[in-house]
């Protein structure tokens, strides 16, 4: 009988690390992917110390075009198949798009969009075979235009749209697909993005652990979208009644004040 794993990208810190702990605590064997091997090893040791099954570790930079091949080869070598895919890896950059480094912005697309899409398509047959699930980490930014973080917001809009479509397509085959859309979360994301948390972060803040738990529960229940926290759940509802031009102006104003 083929052994199954929950594959989690971006698992070395933040929401990804908490997702790994939660899946492991609920009896899943996890396969962890991230750039920083030392952090993956530390997380794996913590999972084992808590009574979990030893995770598989695959250090990999998802900006590489062959990242999907590296991951698939590692899993095949371990004799396992993916029954749950968690696309968590992603990063943002704060600033005017014309002023930010173009190569770094293209790397953002490589991680947030290309790698996520590659893994989703690559392992869809395996998810169908095992009637598993897919959890894609998007953002509340997916519902908004994003002056000041234009590429990041656009990338998360892609993740949400793609996840919605897969929820329909793969759902017919017994596969759950969920988009997790958190708001500001106190992790290393802000520092890497060059972003100073503002009033919105204080009001909408939900911890990484609570976001991860909401994502896990939502996936297990087959929810299409998970919005952790009351403040975050209100945003998509309110956007139905506000002209997009007004939203665009407000987001731009908030970002300029950071």
Protein backbone atom coordinates (compact mmCIF):
# COMPACT_ATOMS: atom_id res chain seq x y z
CA UNK A 1 0.00 0.00 0.00
CA UNK A 2 1.40 3.41 -1.00
CA UNK A 3 2.15 5.71 1.90
CA UNK A 4 0.70 9.22 1.74
CA UNK A 5 2.01 12.57 2.90
CA UNK A 6 0.76 16.10 3.33
CA UNK A 7 3.10 18.28 1.28
CA UNK A 8 3.58 21.77 2.74
CA UNK A 9 5.57 24.47 0.96
CA UNK A 10 7.05 27.43 2.81
CA UNK A 11 7.06 25.32 5.97
CA UNK A 12 10.12 26.75 7.69
CA UNK A 13 8.39 29.58 9.57
CA UNK A 14 5.18 31.52 10.17
CA UNK A 15 1.87 30.10 9.00
CA UNK A 16 3.61 27.25 7.17
CA UNK A 17 5.35 26.00 10.31
CA UNK A 18 2.11 26.16 12.29
CA UNK A 19 0.28 24.30 9.53
CA UNK A 20 2.94 21.60 9.68
CA UNK A 21 2.51 21.24 13.44
CA UNK A 22 -1.28 21.10 13.19
CA UNK A 23 -1.36 18.52 10.40
CA UNK A 24 1.23 16.39 12.23
CA UNK A 25 -0.71 16.65 15.50
CA UNK A 26 -3.77 15.34 13.67
CA UNK A 27 -2.02 12.21 12.45
CA UNK A 28 -0.74 13.32 9.04
CA UNK A 29 2.78 12.55 7.94
CA UNK A 30 4.11 15.84 6.59
CA UNK A 31 6.62 16.52 3.83
CA UNK A 32 8.21 19.92 4.40
CA UNK A 33 9.57 22.19 1.68
CA UNK A 34 11.40 25.51 2.12
CA UNK A 35 14.73 27.15 1.38
CA UNK A 36 16.17 27.02 4.90
CA UNK A 37 17.20 23.45 5.70
CA UNK A 38 18.25 24.26 9.27
CA UNK A 39 14.77 25.54 10.13
CA UNK A 40 13.11 22.56 8.46
CA UNK A 41 15.27 20.20 10.52
CA UNK A 42 14.41 22.07 13.72
CA UNK A 43 10.70 21.91 12.91
CA UNK A 44 10.94 18.20 12.08
CA UNK A 45 12.66 17.54 15.40
CA UNK A 46 9.95 19.43 17.26
CA UNK A 47 7.23 17.42 15.50
CA UNK A 48 8.91 14.14 16.41
CA UNK A 49 9.40 15.30 20.02
CA UNK A 50 5.66 15.96 20.17
CA UNK A 51 4.91 12.39 19.09
CA UNK A 52 4.46 12.96 15.37
CA UNK A 53 5.73 10.80 12.52
CA UNK A 54 9.18 11.91 11.29
CA UNK A 55 8.61 14.40 8.46
CA UNK A 56 10.25 14.26 5.07
CA UNK A 57 12.54 17.22 4.42
CA UNK A 58 13.17 18.72 0.97
CA UNK A 59 15.19 21.95 0.96
CA UNK A 60 14.22 23.78 -2.23
CA UNK A 61 14.12 27.33 -3.55
CA UNK A 62 10.75 27.69 -5.25
CA UNK A 63 11.99 30.48 -7.48
CA UNK A 64 13.82 27.78 -9.45
CA UNK A 65 12.01 26.69 -12.62
CA UNK A 66 12.77 23.05 -11.78
CA UNK A 67 11.53 23.25 -8.17
CA UNK A 68 8.55 21.02 -8.92
CA UNK A 69 10.82 18.37 -10.43
CA UNK A 70 13.08 18.46 -7.37
CA UNK A 71 10.15 17.99 -5.01
CA UNK A 72 8.51 15.24 -7.08
CA UNK A 73 11.81 13.34 -7.34
CA UNK A 74 12.35 13.53 -3.57
CA UNK A 75 8.86 12.21 -2.86
CA UNK A 76 9.18 9.41 -5.40
CA UNK A 77 12.52 8.45 -3.87
CA UNK A 78 10.87 8.19 -0.48
CA UNK A 79 8.11 6.00 -1.94
CA UNK A 80 5.26 8.31 -0.99
CA UNK A 81 2.37 10.04 -2.74
CA UNK A 82 0.68 13.33 -1.92
CA UNK A 83 -2.87 13.12 -0.61
CA UNK A 84 -3.00 16.70 0.74
CA UNK A 85 -1.16 19.64 -0.81
CA UNK A 86 -0.65 22.85 1.14
CA UNK A 87 0.62 25.68 -1.04
CA UNK A 88 1.77 28.12 1.62
CA UNK A 89 5.02 29.53 0.20
CA UNK A 90 4.87 33.15 -0.83
CA UNK A 91 6.26 36.60 -0.14
CA UNK A 92 5.48 40.24 -0.79
CA UNK A 93 7.35 43.47 -1.50
CA UNK A 94 6.21 46.90 -0.35
CA UNK A 95 6.71 49.95 -2.54
CA UNK A 96 5.85 51.46 -5.90
CA UNK A 97 6.16 48.78 -8.57
CA UNK A 98 8.23 50.98 -10.89
CA UNK A 99 10.74 51.58 -8.09
CA UNK A 100 11.07 48.04 -6.73
CA UNK A 101 13.63 45.63 -8.14
CA UNK A 102 12.11 44.03 -11.22
CA UNK A 103 13.93 40.70 -10.76
CA UNK A 104 12.62 40.38 -7.21
CA UNK A 105 9.08 41.12 -8.37
CA UNK A 106 9.37 38.40 -11.00
CA UNK A 107 10.65 36.04 -8.29
CA UNK A 108 7.49 36.87 -6.34
CA UNK A 109 5.42 35.70 -9.30
CA UNK A 110 7.60 32.59 -9.57
CA UNK A 111 6.83 31.61 -5.96
CA UNK A 112 3.32 32.97 -5.42
CA UNK A 113 1.92 31.93 -8.80
CA UNK A 114 4.10 29.63 -10.89
CA UNK A 115 5.29 27.26 -8.15
CA UNK A 116 1.82 27.05 -6.62
CA UNK A 117 0.28 26.28 -10.02
CA UNK A 118 2.97 23.74 -10.86
CA UNK A 119 2.46 21.78 -7.64
CA UNK A 120 -1.33 21.96 -7.91
CA UNK A 121 -1.33 20.60 -11.46
CA UNK A 122 1.49 18.14 -10.84
CA UNK A 123 -0.21 16.43 -7.89
CA UNK A 124 -3.88 16.73 -8.88
CA UNK A 125 -4.07 13.12 -10.06
CA UNK A 126 -2.57 11.95 -6.77
CA UNK A 127 -5.11 14.01 -4.81
CA UNK A 128 -7.93 12.49 -6.85
CA UNK A 129 -6.55 8.99 -6.38
CA UNK A 130 -6.55 9.40 -2.62
CA UNK A 131 -9.63 11.66 -2.43
CA UNK A 132 -7.53 14.20 -0.58
CA UNK A 133 -7.39 17.97 -0.44
CA UNK A 134 -5.58 21.17 -1.37
CA UNK A 135 -5.12 24.23 0.81
CA UNK A 136 -3.85 27.32 -1.01
CA UNK A 137 -2.78 30.25 1.14
CA UNK A 138 -4.02 33.44 -0.50
CA UNK A 139 -4.76 36.65 1.42
CA UNK A 140 -7.51 39.17 2.05
CA UNK A 141 -5.44 41.16 -0.46
CA UNK A 142 -6.94 38.86 -3.11
CA UNK A 143 -10.19 40.84 -2.86
CA UNK A 144 -8.55 44.26 -3.30
CA UNK A 145 -6.52 46.31 -5.76
CA UNK A 146 -3.07 46.90 -4.29
CA UNK A 147 -1.24 50.14 -5.02
CA UNK A 148 1.96 50.02 -2.99
CA UNK A 149 2.11 46.21 -3.31
CA UNK A 150 0.76 45.81 -6.83
CA UNK A 151 2.36 42.51 -7.81
CA UNK A 152 1.70 40.87 -4.44
CA UNK A 153 -2.00 41.76 -4.42
CA UNK A 154 -2.35 40.61 -8.03
CA UNK A 155 -0.62 37.32 -7.26
CA UNK A 156 -3.02 36.60 -4.42
CA UNK A 157 -6.01 37.46 -6.61
CA UNK A 158 -4.71 34.77 -8.95
CA UNK A 159 -4.46 32.26 -6.08
CA UNK A 160 -8.05 32.90 -5.02
CA UNK A 161 -9.43 32.67 -8.56
CA UNK A 162 -7.42 29.54 -9.31
CA UNK A 163 -8.51 27.92 -6.05
CA UNK A 164 -12.17 28.70 -6.72
CA UNK A 165 -11.92 27.02 -10.12
CA UNK A 166 -10.16 23.95 -8.70
CA UNK A 167 -12.75 23.73 -5.92
CA UNK A 168 -15.27 23.14 -8.69
CA UNK A 169 -13.15 20.99 -11.00
CA UNK A 170 -11.55 18.71 -8.41
CA UNK A 171 -14.57 18.70 -6.14
CA UNK A 172 -16.33 16.53 -8.70
CA UNK A 173 -13.66 13.91 -8.00
CA UNK A 174 -13.93 14.03 -4.21
CA UNK A 175 -11.05 16.46 -3.63
CA UNK A 176 -11.50 19.38 -1.24
CA UNK A 177 -9.92 22.66 -2.34
CA UNK A 178 -9.79 25.59 0.06
CA UNK A 179 -8.35 29.09 -0.22
CA UNK A 180 -7.10 30.49 3.09
CA UNK A 181 -7.30 34.30 3.05
CA UNK A 182 -5.77 35.82 6.19
CA UNK A 183 -5.23 39.48 6.89
CA UNK A 184 -2.11 40.87 8.59
CA UNK A 185 -0.28 38.13 10.50
CA UNK A 186 2.75 38.85 12.73
CA UNK A 187 5.39 36.72 10.98
CA UNK A 188 8.61 37.34 9.07
CA UNK A 189 6.50 38.35 6.07
CA UNK A 190 6.45 42.04 7.02
CA UNK A 191 10.22 42.29 7.45
CA UNK A 192 10.91 40.63 4.10
CA UNK A 193 8.33 42.83 2.39
CA UNK A 194 9.83 46.00 3.88
CA UNK A 195 6.44 46.74 5.39
CA UNK A 196 5.80 48.65 8.62
CA UNK A 197 2.57 47.41 10.25
CA UNK A 198 -0.10 50.12 10.46
CA UNK A 199 -3.44 50.56 12.22
CA UNK A 200 -5.02 47.95 9.95
CA UNK A 201 -2.55 45.37 11.26
CA UNK A 202 -3.47 46.20 14.85
CA UNK A 203 -7.20 45.93 14.17
CA UNK A 204 -7.20 42.88 11.87
CA UNK A 205 -4.30 40.98 13.43
CA UNK A 206 -4.77 37.21 13.94
CA UNK A 207 -1.92 34.99 15.09
CA UNK A 208 -0.23 32.57 12.68
CA UNK A 209 -1.33 29.63 14.83
CA UNK A 210 -5.00 30.68 14.73
CA UNK A 211 -4.81 31.27 10.97
CA UNK A 212 -3.27 27.83 10.44
CA UNK A 213 -5.89 26.16 12.61
CA UNK A 214 -8.70 27.92 10.74
CA UNK A 215 -7.18 26.78 7.46
CA UNK A 216 -6.89 23.18 8.61
CA UNK A 217 -10.46 23.06 9.91
CA UNK A 218 -11.80 24.74 6.79
CA UNK A 219 -10.07 22.24 4.53
CA UNK A 220 -11.32 19.30 6.56
CA UNK A 221 -14.87 20.68 6.28
CA UNK A 222 -14.54 21.24 2.55
CA UNK A 223 -14.97 25.01 2.70
CA UNK A 224 -14.20 26.97 -0.45
CA UNK A 225 -12.76 30.05 1.28
CA UNK A 226 -11.58 30.61 4.85
CA UNK A 227 -11.32 34.16 6.24
CA UNK A 228 -9.77 33.98 9.73
CA UNK A 229 -11.06 36.59 12.15
CA UNK A 230 -14.28 38.59 12.28
CA UNK A 231 -12.71 41.76 10.88
CA UNK A 232 -11.38 39.89 7.85
CA UNK A 233 -14.71 38.19 7.16
CA UNK A 234 -16.42 41.57 7.00
CA UNK A 235 -14.14 42.99 4.28
CA UNK A 236 -15.34 40.94 1.25
CA UNK A 237 -18.95 41.55 2.33
CA UNK A 238 -18.49 45.32 2.53
CA UNK A 239 -16.67 45.43 -0.81
CA UNK A 240 -19.91 44.42 -2.53
CA UNK A 241 -21.37 47.82 -1.71
CA UNK A 242 -18.38 50.11 -2.33
CA UNK A 243 -17.27 51.32 -5.79
CA UNK A 244 -13.94 49.80 -6.76
CA UNK A 245 -12.52 53.22 -7.59
CA UNK A 246 -13.13 54.33 -4.00
CA UNK A 247 -11.51 51.15 -2.65
CA UNK A 248 -8.51 51.73 -4.92
CA UNK A 249 -8.08 55.27 -3.61
CA UNK A 250 -8.41 54.18 0.03
CA UNK A 251 -5.88 51.34 -0.27
CA UNK A 252 -3.45 53.69 -2.00
CA UNK A 253 -3.83 56.27 0.76
CA UNK A 254 -3.29 53.68 3.52
CA UNK A 255 -0.21 52.28 1.82
CA UNK A 256 1.34 55.72 1.30
CA UNK A 257 1.10 56.37 5.05
CA UNK A 258 3.16 53.33 6.00
